[in-house]
Amino acid sequence: MPGVLVLHIIRFNMNGEKLNFKFNFTENLSFGGQDYQLYGVIQHEGNSIKSGHYFAYIKNTHGIWFEVK
């Protein structure tokens, strides 16, 4: 298993409209017998794929989360 796991959760339909559901996750994930720790999240805020804004949440080596706009 790779040392880094990247998951891409698409929340838009085929017309580019935002699907209105929440996706919950924890900071730790076990997948395929390997344990992973969450260090970053990118979130889209807006109604469609053609409009809105992206936010990044990044955890530093001290475990502190930062929001980047």
Protein backbone atom coordinates (compact mmCIF):
# COMPACT_ATOMS: atom_id res chain seq x y z
CA MET A 1 0.00 0.00 0.00
CA PRO A 2 1.16 3.55 -0.70
CA GLY A 3 2.33 5.81 2.10
CA VAL A 4 -0.04 8.55 0.88
CA LEU A 5 -3.71 7.99 0.05
CA VAL A 6 -5.65 10.62 -1.93
CA LEU A 7 -9.46 10.39 -2.03
CA HIS A 8 -11.56 12.55 -4.36
CA ILE A 9 -15.25 12.73 -3.45
CA ILE A 10 -17.23 14.31 -6.31
CA ARG A 11 -20.43 16.05 -5.18
CA PHE A 12 -21.69 17.36 -8.54
CA ASN A 13 -24.14 15.77 -10.96
CA MET A 14 -23.55 15.42 -14.71
CA ASN A 15 -25.01 18.95 -15.27
CA GLY A 16 -22.46 20.49 -12.89
CA GLU A 17 -25.03 21.12 -10.16
CA LYS A 18 -24.02 20.60 -6.55
CA LEU A 19 -25.43 17.50 -4.85
CA ASN A 20 -26.78 18.45 -1.45
CA PHE A 21 -25.45 15.83 0.94
CA LYS A 22 -22.92 15.88 3.74
CA PHE A 23 -19.82 13.71 3.78
CA ASN A 24 -18.51 12.97 7.27
CA PHE A 25 -15.02 11.65 7.96
CA THR A 26 -12.55 11.23 10.79
CA GLU A 27 -8.86 12.12 10.99
CA ASN A 28 -7.86 8.44 10.93
CA LEU A 29 -8.72 5.86 8.26
CA SER A 30 -7.89 2.18 7.91
CA PHE A 31 -7.96 1.01 4.30
CA GLY A 32 -6.65 -2.27 2.92
CA GLY A 33 -4.83 -3.11 6.14
CA GLN A 34 -3.00 0.24 6.15
CA ASP A 35 -3.63 3.11 8.59
CA TYR A 36 -3.75 6.67 7.25
CA GLN A 37 -3.95 10.04 8.99
CA LEU A 38 -5.76 13.06 7.51
CA TYR A 39 -3.56 16.10 6.79
CA GLY A 40 -5.62 18.12 4.32
CA VAL A 41 -9.10 18.75 2.97
CA ILE A 42 -10.27 20.85 0.02
CA GLN A 43 -13.91 22.00 0.18
CA HIS A 44 -16.06 23.72 -2.45
CA GLU A 45 -18.55 26.35 -1.29
CA GLY A 46 -21.12 27.25 -3.94
CA ASN A 47 -24.13 26.02 -5.94
CA SER A 48 -22.48 24.64 -9.08
CA ILE A 49 -19.17 23.53 -10.52
CA LYS A 50 -19.06 26.81 -12.50
CA SER A 51 -19.35 29.10 -9.49
CA GLY A 52 -18.23 29.22 -5.91
CA HIS A 53 -14.99 29.19 -3.99
CA TYR A 54 -12.59 26.53 -2.76
CA PHE A 55 -11.17 26.40 0.76
CA ALA A 56 -8.23 24.30 1.91
CA TYR A 57 -7.80 23.02 5.44
CA ILE A 58 -4.27 21.87 6.24
CA LYS A 59 -2.86 20.30 9.42
CA ASN A 60 0.73 21.16 10.32
CA THR A 61 3.24 18.86 12.02
CA HIS A 62 2.04 20.05 15.46
CA GLY A 63 -1.54 18.92 14.75
CA ILE A 64 -2.92 22.46 14.31
CA TRP A 65 -5.42 22.99 11.48
CA PHE A 66 -5.29 26.08 9.25
CA GLU A 67 -7.88 27.39 6.78
CA VAL A 68 -6.53 28.76 3.49
CA LYS A 69 -8.82 30.80 1.24
